[in-house]
Amino acid sequence: MVKMIITNNPSVVDKYPENVCFIDGSVEQVLIKVRDIVYEGYDLISHPLPASLRIMFSPYRSIAIGRNNGRVDPLQAEIVEESIHKYKRHMDVRGADKVNSDDYKLMDLILLESALEDEKGKW
């Protein structure tokens, strides 16, 4: 059961208007918000970083968060902290690819929907 989607992608907000926390900012700001929520005891449903280096340079990122366990899972906290560090390291070398932002919006939405489909029925 998805409790919330943290995103800076307007296409995700349009398609899933409920339970969305829209971040009017960068992917780094999305990751920081996810970190804060994980430290409140929520579970990660989708990984904070994409599986592909090319998608890393997308200006959009959507991350699904699950139920609140009332306690911080140290493994999930480590995953999100490391994701922030890895993201910053890659962005120091090369900035976000804003030229292809419409394509990245669609790819982010498709990847989110794939993660949500994988989670159906697991909660």
N, C-alpha and C. Protein backbone atom coordinates (compact mmCIF):
# COMPACT_ATOMS: atom_id res chain seq x y z
N MET A 1 0.85 -1.18 0.00
CA MET A 1 0.00 0.00 0.00
C MET A 1 0.89 1.24 0.00
N VAL A 2 0.80 2.01 -1.03
CA VAL A 2 1.58 3.23 -1.13
C VAL A 2 0.92 4.31 -0.29
N LYS A 3 1.70 4.90 0.57
CA LYS A 3 1.20 5.99 1.39
C LYS A 3 1.44 7.34 0.73
N MET A 4 2.57 7.42 0.00
CA MET A 4 2.91 8.72 -0.56
C MET A 4 3.90 8.55 -1.70
N ILE A 5 3.84 9.47 -2.64
CA ILE A 5 4.83 9.56 -3.70
C ILE A 5 5.50 10.92 -3.53
N ILE A 6 6.81 10.91 -3.41
CA ILE A 6 7.58 12.15 -3.33
C ILE A 6 8.12 12.39 -4.73
N THR A 7 7.83 13.55 -5.30
CA THR A 7 8.20 13.80 -6.69
C THR A 7 8.41 15.28 -6.97
N ASN A 8 9.19 15.55 -8.00
CA ASN A 8 9.28 16.89 -8.57
C ASN A 8 8.78 16.88 -10.01
N ASN A 9 8.09 15.81 -10.37
CA ASN A 9 7.59 15.61 -11.73
C ASN A 9 6.11 16.02 -11.82
N PRO A 10 5.81 17.10 -12.52
CA PRO A 10 4.41 17.54 -12.65
C PRO A 10 3.51 16.48 -13.30
N SER A 11 4.05 15.64 -14.17
CA SER A 11 3.25 14.60 -14.81
C SER A 11 2.75 13.58 -13.79
N VAL A 12 3.55 13.30 -12.78
CA VAL A 12 3.14 12.37 -11.72
C VAL A 12 2.02 12.99 -10.90
N VAL A 13 2.13 14.27 -10.61
CA VAL A 13 1.09 14.96 -9.85
C VAL A 13 -0.22 14.95 -10.63
N ASP A 14 -0.15 15.16 -11.94
CA ASP A 14 -1.35 15.14 -12.77
C ASP A 14 -2.02 13.77 -12.77
N LYS A 15 -1.23 12.70 -12.80
CA LYS A 15 -1.78 11.36 -12.89
C LYS A 15 -2.19 10.81 -11.52
N TYR A 16 -1.46 11.17 -10.48
CA TYR A 16 -1.73 10.67 -9.12
C TYR A 16 -1.87 11.85 -8.16
N PRO A 17 -2.97 12.59 -8.25
CA PRO A 17 -3.09 13.81 -7.46
C PRO A 17 -3.21 13.57 -5.95
N GLU A 18 -3.63 12.37 -5.55
CA GLU A 18 -3.75 12.09 -4.13
C GLU A 18 -2.48 11.45 -3.60
N ASN A 19 -2.17 11.72 -2.36
CA ASN A 19 -1.01 11.13 -1.69
C ASN A 19 0.31 11.46 -2.38
N VAL A 20 0.40 12.66 -2.96
CA VAL A 20 1.64 13.10 -3.59
C VAL A 20 2.19 14.29 -2.83
N CYS A 21 3.47 14.20 -2.55
CA CYS A 21 4.18 15.34 -1.97
C CYS A 21 5.03 15.92 -3.10
N PHE A 22 4.58 17.06 -3.63
CA PHE A 22 5.29 17.68 -4.75
C PHE A 22 6.39 18.58 -4.21
N ILE A 23 7.59 18.37 -4.73
CA ILE A 23 8.75 19.19 -4.38
C ILE A 23 9.04 20.09 -5.57
N ASP A 24 8.87 21.37 -5.38
CA ASP A 24 9.16 22.32 -6.45
C ASP A 24 10.65 22.63 -6.40
N GLY A 25 11.43 21.67 -6.89
CA GLY A 25 12.88 21.82 -6.81
C GLY A 25 13.59 20.69 -7.53
N SER A 26 14.81 20.46 -7.13
CA SER A 26 15.70 19.52 -7.80
C SER A 26 15.50 18.09 -7.31
N VAL A 27 16.16 17.17 -8.01
CA VAL A 27 16.16 15.77 -7.59
C VAL A 27 16.81 15.66 -6.22
N GLU A 28 17.85 16.42 -5.97
CA GLU A 28 18.50 16.39 -4.66
C GLU A 28 17.51 16.77 -3.55
N GLN A 29 16.67 17.75 -3.80
CA GLN A 29 15.67 18.14 -2.81
C GLN A 29 14.64 17.02 -2.60
N VAL A 30 14.31 16.29 -3.65
CA VAL A 30 13.41 15.14 -3.53
C VAL A 30 14.07 14.08 -2.64
N LEU A 31 15.34 13.79 -2.89
CA LEU A 31 16.06 12.80 -2.10
C LEU A 31 16.15 13.21 -0.63
N ILE A 32 16.37 14.47 -0.38
CA ILE A 32 16.44 14.95 1.01
C ILE A 32 15.10 14.79 1.70
N LYS A 33 14.01 15.09 1.00
CA LYS A 33 12.68 14.90 1.58
C LYS A 33 12.41 13.43 1.88
N VAL A 34 12.82 12.55 0.97
CA VAL A 34 12.66 11.11 1.18
C VAL A 34 13.46 10.69 2.41
N ARG A 35 14.67 11.19 2.52
CA ARG A 35 15.49 10.86 3.71
C ARG A 35 14.78 11.26 4.99
N ASP A 36 14.24 12.47 5.01
CA ASP A 36 13.53 12.95 6.19
C ASP A 36 12.35 12.06 6.55
N ILE A 37 11.63 11.60 5.53
CA ILE A 37 10.46 10.75 5.76
C ILE A 37 10.88 9.35 6.23
N VAL A 38 11.98 8.83 5.68
CA VAL A 38 12.48 7.53 6.13
C VAL A 38 12.88 7.62 7.61
N TYR A 39 13.45 8.74 8.01
CA TYR A 39 13.83 8.92 9.41
C TYR A 39 12.61 9.11 10.32
N GLU A 40 11.45 9.30 9.74
CA GLU A 40 10.20 9.33 10.53
C GLU A 40 9.63 7.91 10.67
N GLY A 41 10.25 6.92 10.03
CA GLY A 41 9.82 5.54 10.17
C GLY A 41 9.08 4.96 8.98
N TYR A 42 9.03 5.67 7.86
CA TYR A 42 8.35 5.15 6.68
C TYR A 42 9.27 4.23 5.88
N ASP A 43 8.67 3.29 5.14
CA ASP A 43 9.40 2.35 4.30
C ASP A 43 9.58 2.89 2.89
N LEU A 44 10.71 2.57 2.29
CA LEU A 44 10.91 2.83 0.87
C LEU A 44 10.20 1.74 0.08
N ILE A 45 9.48 2.14 -0.94
CA ILE A 45 8.89 1.17 -1.87
C ILE A 45 9.75 1.11 -3.12
N SER A 46 10.12 2.27 -3.63
CA SER A 46 11.01 2.30 -4.79
C SER A 46 12.37 2.85 -4.34
N HIS A 47 13.41 2.42 -5.03
CA HIS A 47 14.76 2.84 -4.67
C HIS A 47 14.93 4.33 -5.00
N PRO A 48 15.67 5.05 -4.17
CA PRO A 48 15.86 6.48 -4.43
C PRO A 48 16.62 6.82 -5.71
N LEU A 49 17.47 5.90 -6.17
CA LEU A 49 18.23 6.15 -7.40
C LEU A 49 17.75 5.27 -8.53
N PRO A 50 17.88 5.76 -9.76
CA PRO A 50 17.48 4.94 -10.91
C PRO A 50 18.51 3.84 -11.16
N ALA A 51 18.11 2.84 -11.91
CA ALA A 51 18.98 1.70 -12.21
C ALA A 51 20.01 2.03 -13.29
N SER A 52 19.79 3.10 -14.02
CA SER A 52 20.66 3.45 -15.14
C SER A 52 21.38 4.76 -14.88
N LEU A 53 22.64 4.82 -15.26
CA LEU A 53 23.41 6.04 -15.11
C LEU A 53 22.82 7.16 -15.97
N ARG A 54 22.35 6.83 -17.13
CA ARG A 54 21.75 7.84 -18.02
C ARG A 54 20.54 8.51 -17.36
N ILE A 55 19.72 7.74 -16.68
CA ILE A 55 18.54 8.30 -16.01
C ILE A 55 18.95 9.14 -14.80
N MET A 56 20.15 8.90 -14.28
CA MET A 56 20.65 9.68 -13.14
C MET A 56 20.64 11.17 -13.47
N PHE A 57 20.84 11.51 -14.73
CA PHE A 57 20.93 12.91 -15.13
C PHE A 57 19.57 13.53 -15.46
N SER A 58 18.51 12.79 -15.20
CA SER A 58 17.16 13.30 -15.38
C SER A 58 16.89 14.40 -14.35
N PRO A 59 16.19 15.45 -14.75
CA PRO A 59 15.84 16.49 -13.77
C PRO A 59 14.62 16.12 -12.92
N TYR A 60 14.07 14.90 -13.13
CA TYR A 60 12.87 14.47 -12.40
C TYR A 60 13.10 13.15 -11.70
N ARG A 61 12.50 13.02 -10.51
CA ARG A 61 12.59 11.77 -9.77
C ARG A 61 11.35 11.62 -8.91
N SER A 62 10.77 10.44 -8.95
CA SER A 62 9.60 10.11 -8.14
C SER A 62 9.92 8.86 -7.33
N ILE A 63 9.64 8.92 -6.04
CA ILE A 63 9.95 7.81 -5.13
C ILE A 63 8.72 7.50 -4.31
N ALA A 64 8.36 6.22 -4.28
CA ALA A 64 7.18 5.78 -3.53
C ALA A 64 7.60 5.38 -2.11
N ILE A 65 6.78 5.81 -1.17
CA ILE A 65 7.01 5.55 0.26
C ILE A 65 5.82 4.75 0.78
N GLY A 66 6.09 3.79 1.64
CA GLY A 66 5.03 2.95 2.19
C GLY A 66 4.66 3.32 3.61
N ARG A 67 4.17 2.34 4.31
CA ARG A 67 3.62 2.54 5.65
C ARG A 67 4.67 3.00 6.65
N ASN A 68 4.17 3.60 7.71
CA ASN A 68 5.02 4.05 8.81
C ASN A 68 5.06 2.94 9.85
N ASN A 69 6.25 2.41 10.09
CA ASN A 69 6.44 1.36 11.08
C ASN A 69 6.63 1.91 12.48
N GLY A 70 6.78 3.22 12.59
CA GLY A 70 7.00 3.81 13.90
C GLY A 70 8.43 3.69 14.38
N ARG A 71 9.28 3.12 13.54
CA ARG A 71 10.69 3.01 13.89
C ARG A 71 11.51 3.16 12.61
N VAL A 72 12.73 3.63 12.76
CA VAL A 72 13.61 3.83 11.61
C VAL A 72 14.29 2.51 11.28
N ASP A 73 14.20 2.10 10.03
CA ASP A 73 14.91 0.92 9.56
C ASP A 73 16.33 1.37 9.17
N PRO A 74 17.35 0.90 9.89
CA PRO A 74 18.71 1.37 9.61
C PRO A 74 19.18 1.10 8.18
N LEU A 75 18.75 -0.02 7.60
CA LEU A 75 19.15 -0.33 6.23
C LEU A 75 18.56 0.68 5.25
N GLN A 76 17.28 0.99 5.41
CA GLN A 76 16.65 1.96 4.51
C GLN A 76 17.22 3.36 4.70
N ALA A 77 17.55 3.71 5.94
CA ALA A 77 18.19 5.01 6.20
C ALA A 77 19.54 5.07 5.50
N GLU A 78 20.30 3.98 5.56
CA GLU A 78 21.60 3.94 4.89
C GLU A 78 21.44 4.03 3.37
N ILE A 79 20.45 3.34 2.84
CA ILE A 79 20.20 3.38 1.38
C ILE A 79 19.94 4.81 0.92
N VAL A 80 19.08 5.52 1.62
CA VAL A 80 18.74 6.87 1.18
C VAL A 80 19.90 7.84 1.41
N GLU A 81 20.64 7.68 2.49
CA GLU A 81 21.81 8.54 2.72
C GLU A 81 22.87 8.33 1.63
N GLU A 82 23.15 7.06 1.32
CA GLU A 82 24.12 6.76 0.28
C GLU A 82 23.64 7.24 -1.09
N SER A 83 22.34 7.18 -1.32
CA SER A 83 21.78 7.66 -2.59
C SER A 83 22.02 9.15 -2.76
N ILE A 84 21.88 9.90 -1.70
CA ILE A 84 22.13 11.35 -1.76
C ILE A 84 23.60 11.60 -2.10
N HIS A 85 24.51 10.88 -1.44
CA HIS A 85 25.94 11.06 -1.70
C HIS A 85 26.30 10.67 -3.14
N LYS A 86 25.78 9.56 -3.61
CA LYS A 86 26.07 9.12 -4.99
C LYS A 86 25.52 10.12 -5.99
N TYR A 87 24.31 10.61 -5.74
CA TYR A 87 23.71 11.58 -6.65
C TYR A 87 24.58 12.84 -6.73
N LYS A 88 25.02 13.33 -5.58
CA LYS A 88 25.86 14.54 -5.56
C LYS A 88 27.17 14.32 -6.31
N ARG A 89 27.78 13.15 -6.11
CA ARG A 89 29.04 12.85 -6.81
C ARG A 89 28.84 12.88 -8.33
N HIS A 90 27.77 12.30 -8.83
CA HIS A 90 27.53 12.29 -10.27
C HIS A 90 27.20 13.70 -10.78
N MET A 91 26.48 14.45 -10.00
CA MET A 91 26.10 15.79 -10.44
C MET A 91 27.27 16.77 -10.41
N ASP A 92 28.29 16.47 -9.61
CA ASP A 92 29.49 17.30 -9.62
C ASP A 92 30.22 17.21 -10.95
N VAL A 93 30.08 16.06 -11.62
CA VAL A 93 30.75 15.82 -12.89
C VAL A 93 29.93 16.38 -14.05
N ARG A 94 28.63 16.25 -13.94
CA ARG A 94 27.75 16.64 -15.04
C ARG A 94 26.40 17.04 -14.49
N GLY A 95 25.80 18.07 -15.02
CA GLY A 95 24.51 18.55 -14.53
C GLY A 95 23.35 17.79 -15.13
N ALA A 96 22.17 18.13 -14.66
CA ALA A 96 20.93 17.51 -15.15
C ALA A 96 20.72 17.85 -16.63
N ASP A 97 20.15 16.91 -17.36
CA ASP A 97 19.88 17.06 -18.79
C ASP A 97 18.49 17.68 -18.96
N LYS A 98 18.43 18.99 -18.94
CA LYS A 98 17.14 19.68 -19.04
C LYS A 98 16.66 19.82 -20.47
N VAL A 99 17.53 19.57 -21.44
CA VAL A 99 17.16 19.67 -22.85
C VAL A 99 16.08 18.65 -23.19
N ASN A 100 16.18 17.48 -22.60
CA ASN A 100 15.24 16.40 -22.88
C ASN A 100 14.25 16.20 -21.74
N SER A 101 13.86 17.27 -21.09
CA SER A 101 13.04 17.16 -19.88
C SER A 101 11.68 16.51 -20.12
N ASP A 102 11.06 16.74 -21.26
CA ASP A 102 9.76 16.10 -21.52
C ASP A 102 9.89 14.58 -21.59
N ASP A 103 10.97 14.11 -22.21
CA ASP A 103 11.21 12.67 -22.27
C ASP A 103 11.48 12.11 -20.87
N TYR A 104 12.23 12.85 -20.08
CA TYR A 104 12.53 12.40 -18.72
C TYR A 104 11.28 12.38 -17.83
N LYS A 105 10.37 13.30 -18.05
CA LYS A 105 9.11 13.28 -17.30
C LYS A 105 8.37 11.97 -17.55
N LEU A 106 8.28 11.61 -18.83
CA LEU A 106 7.58 10.38 -19.20
C LEU A 106 8.31 9.14 -18.66
N MET A 107 9.62 9.09 -18.78
CA MET A 107 10.37 7.94 -18.29
C MET A 107 10.24 7.81 -16.77
N ASP A 108 10.27 8.91 -16.06
CA ASP A 108 10.10 8.87 -14.60
C ASP A 108 8.73 8.33 -14.23
N LEU A 109 7.70 8.77 -14.93
CA LEU A 109 6.35 8.28 -14.69
C LEU A 109 6.24 6.77 -14.97
N ILE A 110 6.83 6.31 -16.06
CA ILE A 110 6.79 4.89 -16.40
C ILE A 110 7.53 4.06 -15.35
N LEU A 111 8.68 4.52 -14.90
CA LEU A 111 9.44 3.79 -13.87
C LEU A 111 8.67 3.75 -12.55
N LEU A 112 8.02 4.84 -12.20
CA LEU A 112 7.21 4.87 -10.97
C LEU A 112 6.06 3.88 -11.09
N GLU A 113 5.37 3.89 -12.21
CA GLU A 113 4.24 2.98 -12.40
C GLU A 113 4.69 1.52 -12.35
N SER A 114 5.86 1.24 -12.84
CA SER A 114 6.40 -0.12 -12.77
C SER A 114 6.64 -0.53 -11.32
N ALA A 115 7.18 0.37 -10.52
CA ALA A 115 7.41 0.09 -9.09
C ALA A 115 6.08 -0.10 -8.37
N LEU A 116 5.10 0.72 -8.70
CA LEU A 116 3.79 0.61 -8.06
C LEU A 116 3.11 -0.70 -8.43
N GLU A 117 3.26 -1.11 -9.68
CA GLU A 117 2.67 -2.39 -10.13
C GLU A 117 3.33 -3.56 -9.40
N ASP A 118 4.63 -3.50 -9.21
CA ASP A 118 5.35 -4.55 -8.48
C ASP A 118 4.85 -4.66 -7.03
N GLU A 119 4.44 -3.57 -6.47
CA GLU A 119 4.03 -3.55 -5.05
C GLU A 119 2.58 -3.95 -4.82
N LYS A 120 1.78 -3.99 -5.88
CA LYS A 120 0.36 -4.35 -5.72
C LYS A 120 0.23 -5.69 -5.01
N GLY A 121 -0.61 -5.71 -4.01
CA GLY A 121 -0.90 -6.93 -3.32
C GLY A 121 0.12 -7.37 -2.28
N LYS A 122 1.22 -6.64 -2.15
CA LYS A 122 2.23 -7.02 -1.17
C LYS A 122 1.94 -6.47 0.22
N TRP A 123 1.02 -5.55 0.30
CA TRP A 123 0.75 -4.93 1.61
C TRP A 123 -0.51 -5.52 2.13
